[in-house]
Amino acid sequence: LIIRIVMNMWRKLYASTCTLFICCLILLQSGYALQVTSIPPLLDVPTYSLATRDDDDGGRTCMNILTYATPVSILPDRIWSIGLYKGTVTHENFSKSKKGVLQLLSPEHSKIVALLGGKSNREVDKRSECQKLGFEWRSLSSSSFTDSHNSESTSTSTTNNKHEEWPELLPNCACYLFITLVGNLIDCGSHDVALCKVQAIMVGDGKDAPSSTYLNTSSLRDMGIITDKGRVAE
């Protein structure tokens, strides 16, 4: 009797083992094959312009194009991460002042992407050129930070809320995020990453919330303004 029980257990174990082996063979033969590629995914992301001030040059405003921006936390503070290309005036300004305005561009701003993203502030007067294209830079109103319904945080310090300490802005952006650096810049090679606290989220006159219509990299590629590598087209 004991021998029969042992034999039955052995047969069941053998059958289970054979079934598992066959399943493994099937998985190996029909497995999902992967291969290495050096081509990154072609993403569609919002397009921003980061406005900064050069306090060593009379508070002169500088603007660029920035697509490496994303929220990473919401409590207790709203934190965003941005990538700053090294060697640019924007990088220098933000490193020194530790603040800026992240402007979510509207579709109409496609006309100035090549200017803001393809030219250096050392080579061209972007303020003047933007004005020629119908986008005159505007100083922040002294009442902006007292309008509490537009403020992201009512606990924002008065030091960060002095309107004259912030850069000029583009008109008609989908929204404006007033950000300050948290900690130190993080060296990531070609770019430094900055973790930033959102001091306030603001929208233009007559609006109650950010516009859901904004400029993105997919539309810029379709218009031939940027390449598949994310650079301004020649």
C-alpha atoms as a PDB file:
ATOM      1  CA  LEU A   1       0.000   0.000   0.000  1.00  0.00           C
ATOM      2  CA  ILE A   2       2.784   2.377   0.883  1.00  0.00           C
ATOM      3  CA  ILE A   3       4.525   1.571  -2.399  1.00  0.00           C
ATOM      4  CA  ARG A   4       1.344   2.359  -4.349  1.00  0.00           C
ATOM      5  CA  ILE A   5       0.947   5.691  -2.551  1.00  0.00           C
ATOM      6  CA  VAL A   6       4.559   6.609  -3.263  1.00  0.00           C
ATOM      7  CA  MET A   7       4.195   5.599  -6.902  1.00  0.00           C
ATOM      8  CA  ASN A   8       1.037   7.706  -7.304  1.00  0.00           C
ATOM      9  CA  MET A   9       2.768  10.712  -5.751  1.00  0.00           C
ATOM     10  CA  TRP A  10       5.727  10.216  -8.070  1.00  0.00           C
ATOM     11  CA  ARG A  11       3.514  10.030 -11.159  1.00  0.00           C
ATOM     12  CA  LYS A  12       1.710  13.277 -10.172  1.00  0.00           C
ATOM     13  CA  LEU A  13       5.032  15.023  -9.494  1.00  0.00           C
ATOM     14  CA  TYR A  14       6.430  13.775 -12.807  1.00  0.00           C
ATOM     15  CA  ALA A  15       3.335  14.957 -14.692  1.00  0.00           C
ATOM     16  CA  SER A  16       3.493  18.396 -13.037  1.00  0.00           C
ATOM     17  CA  THR A  17       7.182  18.709 -13.839  1.00  0.00           C
ATOM     18  CA  CYS A  18       6.615  17.774 -17.460  1.00  0.00           C
ATOM     19  CA  THR A  19       3.767  20.275 -17.752  1.00  0.00           C
ATOM     20  CA  LEU A  20       5.917  23.053 -16.264  1.00  0.00           C
ATOM     21  CA  PHE A  21       8.778  22.190 -18.608  1.00  0.00           C
ATOM     22  CA  ILE A  22       6.522  22.293 -21.657  1.00  0.00           C
ATOM     23  CA  CYS A  23       5.084  25.670 -20.560  1.00  0.00           C
ATOM     24  CA  CYS A  24       8.601  27.085 -20.206  1.00  0.00           C
ATOM     25  CA  LEU A  25       9.489  25.903 -23.699  1.00  0.00           C
ATOM     26  CA  ILE A  26       6.385  27.567 -25.125  1.00  0.00           C
ATOM     27  CA  LEU A  27       7.183  30.839 -23.343  1.00  0.00           C
ATOM     28  CA  LEU A  28      10.770  30.778 -24.555  1.00  0.00           C
ATOM     29  CA  GLN A  29       9.710  30.170 -28.127  1.00  0.00           C
ATOM     30  CA  SER A  30       6.992  32.840 -28.125  1.00  0.00           C
ATOM     31  CA  GLY A  31       8.679  35.310 -25.733  1.00  0.00           C
ATOM     32  CA  TYR A  32       8.580  39.060 -26.355  1.00  0.00           C
ATOM     33  CA  ALA A  33      11.929  39.930 -27.935  1.00  0.00           C
ATOM     34  CA  LEU A  34      13.548  43.277 -27.076  1.00  0.00           C
ATOM     35  CA  GLN A  35      16.434  45.039 -28.720  1.00  0.00           C
ATOM     36  CA  VAL A  36      18.591  47.980 -27.727  1.00  0.00           C
ATOM     37  CA  THR A  37      18.094  51.292 -29.537  1.00  0.00           C
ATOM     38  CA  SER A  38      19.787  54.669 -29.245  1.00  0.00           C
ATOM     39  CA  ILE A  39      16.654  56.501 -30.449  1.00  0.00           C
ATOM     40  CA  PRO A  40      14.625  57.992 -27.584  1.00  0.00           C
ATOM     41  CA  PRO A  41      10.813  58.057 -27.709  1.00  0.00           C
ATOM     42  CA  LEU A  42       9.315  61.003 -29.584  1.00  0.00           C
ATOM     43  CA  LEU A  43       7.289  62.661 -26.830  1.00  0.00           C
ATOM     44  CA  ASP A  44       4.635  65.342 -27.017  1.00  0.00           C
ATOM     45  CA  VAL A  45       5.124  67.756 -24.116  1.00  0.00           C
ATOM     46  CA  PRO A  46       4.023  71.300 -23.226  1.00  0.00           C
ATOM     47  CA  THR A  47       6.270  74.138 -24.367  1.00  0.00           C
ATOM     48  CA  TYR A  48       7.336  76.794 -21.863  1.00  0.00           C
ATOM     49  CA  SER A  49       9.430  79.922 -21.826  1.00  0.00           C
ATOM     50  CA  LEU A  50      11.407  80.484 -18.636  1.00  0.00           C
ATOM     51  CA  ALA A  51      11.761  84.188 -17.822  1.00  0.00           C
ATOM     52  CA  THR A  52      14.660  85.175 -15.554  1.00  0.00           C
ATOM     53  CA  ARG A  53      16.308  88.414 -14.422  1.00  0.00           C
ATOM     54  CA  ASP A  54      19.940  89.459 -14.581  1.00  0.00           C
ATOM     55  CA  ASP A  55      20.300  91.538 -11.434  1.00  0.00           C
ATOM     56  CA  ASP A  56      23.896  92.392 -12.426  1.00  0.00           C
ATOM     57  CA  ASP A  57      22.578  94.036 -15.596  1.00  0.00           C
ATOM     58  CA  GLY A  58      19.920  96.321 -14.147  1.00  0.00           C
ATOM     59  CA  GLY A  59      17.346  93.574 -13.773  1.00  0.00           C
ATOM     60  CA  ARG A  60      17.288  92.827 -17.504  1.00  0.00           C
ATOM     61  CA  THR A  61      14.868  90.029 -18.421  1.00  0.00           C
ATOM     62  CA  CYS A  62      16.009  86.962 -20.335  1.00  0.00           C
ATOM     63  CA  MET A  63      13.727  84.354 -21.927  1.00  0.00           C
ATOM     64  CA  ASN A  64      14.338  80.979 -23.516  1.00  0.00           C
ATOM     65  CA  ILE A  65      12.347  77.914 -24.575  1.00  0.00           C
ATOM     66  CA  LEU A  66      12.073  75.075 -22.070  1.00  0.00           C
ATOM     67  CA  THR A  67      10.393  71.696 -22.493  1.00  0.00           C
ATOM     68  CA  TYR A  68      12.038  69.788 -19.627  1.00  0.00           C
ATOM     69  CA  ALA A  69       9.481  70.698 -16.962  1.00  0.00           C
ATOM     70  CA  THR A  70       7.170  68.547 -14.880  1.00  0.00           C
ATOM     71  CA  PRO A  71       5.382  68.581 -11.509  1.00  0.00           C
ATOM     72  CA  VAL A  72       6.816  66.087  -9.024  1.00  0.00           C
ATOM     73  CA  SER A  73       4.904  66.791  -5.780  1.00  0.00           C
ATOM     74  CA  ILE A  74       1.844  68.678  -4.537  1.00  0.00           C
ATOM     75  CA  LEU A  75       1.993  68.576  -0.713  1.00  0.00           C
ATOM     76  CA  PRO A  76       2.962  70.267   1.506  1.00  0.00           C
ATOM     77  CA  ASP A  77       4.325  72.469  -1.309  1.00  0.00           C
ATOM     78  CA  ARG A  78       3.804  72.228  -5.039  1.00  0.00           C
ATOM     79  CA  ILE A  79       7.211  71.194  -6.444  1.00  0.00           C
ATOM     80  CA  TRP A  80       8.255  71.177 -10.091  1.00  0.00           C
ATOM     81  CA  SER A  81      11.413  69.900 -11.768  1.00  0.00           C
ATOM     82  CA  ILE A  82      12.993  71.811 -14.658  1.00  0.00           C
ATOM     83  CA  GLY A  83      16.063  71.144 -16.802  1.00  0.00           C
ATOM     84  CA  LEU A  84      18.424  74.060 -17.446  1.00  0.00           C
ATOM     85  CA  TYR A  85      20.864  73.837 -20.353  1.00  0.00           C
ATOM     86  CA  LYS A  86      24.360  74.708 -19.192  1.00  0.00           C
ATOM     87  CA  GLY A  87      26.189  77.697 -20.635  1.00  0.00           C
ATOM     88  CA  THR A  88      23.061  79.731 -21.318  1.00  0.00           C
ATOM     89  CA  VAL A  89      22.133  83.141 -19.943  1.00  0.00           C
ATOM     90  CA  THR A  90      18.978  81.583 -18.487  1.00  0.00           C
ATOM     91  CA  HIS A  91      21.075  79.048 -16.562  1.00  0.00           C
ATOM     92  CA  GLU A  92      23.351  81.815 -15.259  1.00  0.00           C
ATOM     93  CA  ASN A  93      20.459  84.035 -14.196  1.00  0.00           C
ATOM     94  CA  PHE A  94      18.525  81.272 -12.455  1.00  0.00           C
ATOM     95  CA  SER A  95      21.666  80.048 -10.686  1.00  0.00           C
ATOM     96  CA  LYS A  96      22.187  83.512  -9.228  1.00  0.00           C
ATOM     97  CA  SER A  97      18.656  84.752  -8.562  1.00  0.00           C
ATOM     98  CA  LYS A  98      17.180  81.298  -7.789  1.00  0.00           C
ATOM     99  CA  LYS A  99      13.822  82.358  -9.210  1.00  0.00           C
ATOM    100  CA  GLY A 100      11.961  82.721 -12.470  1.00  0.00           C
ATOM    101  CA  VAL A 101       8.586  82.550 -14.177  1.00  0.00           C
ATOM    102  CA  LEU A 102       7.690  79.424 -16.107  1.00  0.00           C
ATOM    103  CA  GLN A 103       5.334  80.606 -18.853  1.00  0.00           C
ATOM    104  CA  LEU A 104       3.140  77.965 -20.489  1.00  0.00           C
ATOM    105  CA  LEU A 105       2.962  79.149 -24.079  1.00  0.00           C
ATOM    106  CA  SER A 106      -0.202  79.423 -26.138  1.00  0.00           C
ATOM    107  CA  PRO A 107      -0.411  78.305 -29.793  1.00  0.00           C
ATOM    108  CA  GLU A 108       0.002  81.918 -30.941  1.00  0.00           C
ATOM    109  CA  HIS A 109       3.506  81.956 -29.423  1.00  0.00           C
ATOM    110  CA  SER A 110       4.753  79.518 -32.076  1.00  0.00           C
ATOM    111  CA  LYS A 111       5.908  82.627 -33.974  1.00  0.00           C
ATOM    112  CA  ILE A 112       8.605  83.356 -31.380  1.00  0.00           C
ATOM    113  CA  VAL A 113       9.826  79.831 -30.571  1.00  0.00           C
ATOM    114  CA  ALA A 114      12.669  80.011 -33.100  1.00  0.00           C
ATOM    115  CA  LEU A 115      13.747  83.356 -31.635  1.00  0.00           C
ATOM    116  CA  LEU A 116      13.568  82.374 -27.969  1.00  0.00           C
ATOM    117  CA  GLY A 117      14.866  78.843 -28.441  1.00  0.00           C
ATOM    118  CA  GLY A 118      17.286  79.200 -31.338  1.00  0.00           C
ATOM    119  CA  LYS A 119      19.056  82.452 -30.443  1.00  0.00           C
ATOM    120  CA  SER A 120      21.195  83.439 -27.478  1.00  0.00           C
ATOM    121  CA  ASN A 121      20.519  86.525 -25.385  1.00  0.00           C
ATOM    122  CA  ARG A 122      24.199  87.305 -25.946  1.00  0.00           C
ATOM    123  CA  GLU A 123      23.624  87.561 -29.699  1.00  0.00           C
ATOM    124  CA  VAL A 124      20.234  89.227 -30.078  1.00  0.00           C
ATOM    125  CA  ASP A 125      17.896  91.553 -28.206  1.00  0.00           C
ATOM    126  CA  LYS A 126      15.018  89.130 -27.739  1.00  0.00           C
ATOM    127  CA  ARG A 127      12.864  91.755 -26.083  1.00  0.00           C
ATOM    128  CA  SER A 128      13.033  94.033 -29.109  1.00  0.00           C
ATOM    129  CA  GLU A 129      12.594  91.179 -31.594  1.00  0.00           C
ATOM    130  CA  CYS A 130       9.549  89.834 -29.730  1.00  0.00           C
ATOM    131  CA  GLN A 131       8.008  93.300 -29.830  1.00  0.00           C
ATOM    132  CA  LYS A 132       8.487  93.408 -33.612  1.00  0.00           C
ATOM    133  CA  LEU A 133       6.577  90.128 -33.846  1.00  0.00           C
ATOM    134  CA  GLY A 134       3.705  91.487 -31.748  1.00  0.00           C
ATOM    135  CA  PHE A 135       4.672  90.095 -28.340  1.00  0.00           C
ATOM    136  CA  GLU A 136       5.735  93.025 -26.209  1.00  0.00           C
ATOM    137  CA  TRP A 137       7.151  91.987 -22.848  1.00  0.00           C
ATOM    138  CA  ARG A 138       5.204  93.325 -19.890  1.00  0.00           C
ATOM    139  CA  SER A 139       6.205  94.223 -16.354  1.00  0.00           C
ATOM    140  CA  LEU A 140       4.359  92.525 -13.528  1.00  0.00           C
ATOM    141  CA  SER A 141       1.636  94.663 -11.982  1.00  0.00           C
ATOM    142  CA  SER A 142       2.139  95.743  -8.385  1.00  0.00           C
ATOM    143  CA  SER A 143      -1.309  94.346  -7.554  1.00  0.00           C
ATOM    144  CA  SER A 144      -0.602  90.856  -8.915  1.00  0.00           C
ATOM    145  CA  PHE A 145       0.377  89.249  -5.626  1.00  0.00           C
ATOM    146  CA  THR A 146      -2.420  90.888  -3.676  1.00  0.00           C
ATOM    147  CA  ASP A 147      -5.033  89.265  -5.913  1.00  0.00           C
ATOM    148  CA  SER A 148      -5.515  86.210  -3.720  1.00  0.00           C
ATOM    149  CA  HIS A 149      -7.790  84.258  -6.080  1.00  0.00           C
ATOM    150  CA  ASN A 150      -4.853  83.817  -8.473  1.00  0.00           C
ATOM    151  CA  SER A 151      -2.322  82.892  -5.804  1.00  0.00           C
ATOM    152  CA  GLU A 152      -1.253  79.283  -5.392  1.00  0.00           C
ATOM    153  CA  SER A 153      -0.328  79.771  -1.758  1.00  0.00           C
ATOM    154  CA  THR A 154      -1.521  82.444   0.643  1.00  0.00           C
ATOM    155  CA  SER A 155       1.540  81.764   2.796  1.00  0.00           C
ATOM    156  CA  THR A 156       3.977  83.071   0.180  1.00  0.00           C
ATOM    157  CA  SER A 157       6.487  85.360   1.834  1.00  0.00           C
ATOM    158  CA  THR A 158       6.522  89.076   1.062  1.00  0.00           C
ATOM    159  CA  THR A 159      10.172  88.754   0.003  1.00  0.00           C
ATOM    160  CA  ASN A 160       9.138  86.523  -2.884  1.00  0.00           C
ATOM    161  CA  ASN A 161       6.100  88.662  -3.634  1.00  0.00           C
ATOM    162  CA  LYS A 162       7.806  91.957  -4.493  1.00  0.00           C
ATOM    163  CA  HIS A 163       6.651  92.437  -8.053  1.00  0.00           C
ATOM    164  CA  GLU A 164       9.736  94.429  -9.030  1.00  0.00           C
ATOM    165  CA  GLU A 165      11.977  91.442  -8.238  1.00  0.00           C
ATOM    166  CA  TRP A 166      10.393  89.282 -10.930  1.00  0.00           C
ATOM    167  CA  PRO A 167      11.191  89.374 -14.677  1.00  0.00           C
ATOM    168  CA  GLU A 168       9.017  90.783 -17.437  1.00  0.00           C
ATOM    169  CA  LEU A 169       6.475  88.440 -18.986  1.00  0.00           C
ATOM    170  CA  LEU A 170       5.081  87.463 -22.364  1.00  0.00           C
ATOM    171  CA  PRO A 171       1.447  88.378 -23.009  1.00  0.00           C
ATOM    172  CA  ASN A 172      -1.351  85.826 -23.404  1.00  0.00           C
ATOM    173  CA  CYS A 173       0.329  82.737 -21.945  1.00  0.00           C
ATOM    174  CA  ALA A 174      -1.895  79.846 -20.858  1.00  0.00           C
ATOM    175  CA  CYS A 175      -0.576  80.359 -17.321  1.00  0.00           C
ATOM    176  CA  TYR A 176       2.398  81.663 -15.364  1.00  0.00           C
ATOM    177  CA  LEU A 177       4.160  79.688 -12.638  1.00  0.00           C
ATOM    178  CA  PHE A 178       6.310  81.741 -10.282  1.00  0.00           C
ATOM    179  CA  ILE A 179       9.036  79.392  -9.077  1.00  0.00           C
ATOM    180  CA  THR A 180      11.962  79.513  -6.660  1.00  0.00           C
ATOM    181  CA  LEU A 181      14.847  77.075  -6.356  1.00  0.00           C
ATOM    182  CA  VAL A 182      14.718  74.472  -3.586  1.00  0.00           C
ATOM    183  CA  GLY A 183      18.189  73.377  -2.475  1.00  0.00           C
ATOM    184  CA  ASN A 184      20.959  73.259  -5.066  1.00  0.00           C
ATOM    185  CA  LEU A 185      21.067  72.553  -8.776  1.00  0.00           C
ATOM    186  CA  ILE A 186      21.640  68.891  -9.631  1.00  0.00           C
ATOM    187  CA  ASP A 187      24.352  68.210 -12.219  1.00  0.00           C
ATOM    188  CA  CYS A 188      22.937  65.892 -14.884  1.00  0.00           C
ATOM    189  CA  GLY A 189      25.491  66.374 -17.646  1.00  0.00           C
ATOM    190  CA  SER A 190      24.353  68.697 -20.432  1.00  0.00           C
ATOM    191  CA  HIS A 191      21.658  70.067 -18.127  1.00  0.00           C
ATOM    192  CA  ASP A 192      21.313  70.950 -14.481  1.00  0.00           C
ATOM    193  CA  VAL A 193      18.063  69.914 -12.848  1.00  0.00           C
ATOM    194  CA  ALA A 194      16.363  72.380 -10.520  1.00  0.00           C
ATOM    195  CA  LEU A 195      13.691  71.399  -8.033  1.00  0.00           C
ATOM    196  CA  CYS A 196      11.451  74.423  -7.631  1.00  0.00           C
ATOM    197  CA  LYS A 197       8.695  75.503  -5.286  1.00  0.00           C
ATOM    198  CA  VAL A 198       5.710  77.072  -7.011  1.00  0.00           C
ATOM    199  CA  GLN A 199       5.147  80.355  -5.209  1.00  0.00           C
ATOM    200  CA  ALA A 200       2.102  81.280  -7.277  1.00  0.00           C
ATOM    201  CA  ILE A 201       0.137  80.226 -10.339  1.00  0.00           C
ATOM    202  CA  MET A 202      -1.302  83.139 -12.267  1.00  0.00           C
ATOM    203  CA  VAL A 203      -3.414  83.671 -15.357  1.00  0.00           C
ATOM    204  CA  GLY A 204      -4.143  86.680 -17.527  1.00  0.00           C
ATOM    205  CA  ASP A 205      -6.790  89.308 -16.937  1.00  0.00           C
ATOM    206  CA  GLY A 206     -10.347  88.053 -17.148  1.00  0.00           C
ATOM    207  CA  LYS A 207      -9.420  84.399 -16.557  1.00  0.00           C
ATOM    208  CA  ASP A 208     -10.107  82.252 -13.526  1.00  0.00           C
ATOM    209  CA  ALA A 209      -7.986  79.218 -14.427  1.00  0.00           C
ATOM    210  CA  PRO A 210      -5.160  78.225 -16.790  1.00  0.00           C
ATOM    211  CA  SER A 211      -6.188  77.681 -20.387  1.00  0.00           C
ATOM    212  CA  SER A 212      -6.495  74.075 -21.525  1.00  0.00           C
ATOM    213  CA  THR A 213      -5.169  75.110 -24.937  1.00  0.00           C
ATOM    214  CA  TYR A 214      -1.395  75.431 -25.006  1.00  0.00           C
ATOM    215  CA  LEU A 215       1.564  75.007 -27.335  1.00  0.00           C
ATOM    216  CA  ASN A 216       3.151  71.550 -27.472  1.00  0.00           C
ATOM    217  CA  THR A 217       6.148  69.961 -29.171  1.00  0.00           C
ATOM    218  CA  SER A 218       4.035  67.818 -31.482  1.00  0.00           C
ATOM    219  CA  SER A 219       2.481  70.872 -33.119  1.00  0.00           C
ATOM    220  CA  LEU A 220       5.894  72.547 -33.353  1.00  0.00           C
ATOM    221  CA  ARG A 221       7.247  69.504 -35.204  1.00  0.00           C
ATOM    222  CA  ASP A 222       4.235  69.499 -37.521  1.00  0.00           C
ATOM    223  CA  MET A 223       4.890  73.165 -38.334  1.00  0.00           C
ATOM    224  CA  GLY A 224       8.565  72.446 -39.010  1.00  0.00           C
ATOM    225  CA  ILE A 225       9.718  74.775 -36.239  1.00  0.00           C
ATOM    226  CA  ILE A 226      11.590  72.092 -34.299  1.00  0.00           C
ATOM    227  CA  THR A 227      13.173  68.815 -35.399  1.00  0.00           C
ATOM    228  CA  ASP A 228      12.564  65.297 -34.122  1.00  0.00           C
ATOM    229  CA  LYS A 229      15.564  65.859 -31.847  1.00  0.00           C
ATOM    230  CA  GLY A 230      13.829  68.800 -30.210  1.00  0.00           C
ATOM    231  CA  ARG A 231      16.104  71.457 -31.666  1.00  0.00           C
ATOM    232  CA  VAL A 232      15.025  74.562 -33.542  1.00  0.00           C
ATOM    233  CA  ALA A 233      15.011  73.788 -37.257  1.00  0.00           C
ATOM    234  CA  GLU A 234      17.632  75.568 -39.349  1.00  0.00           C
END
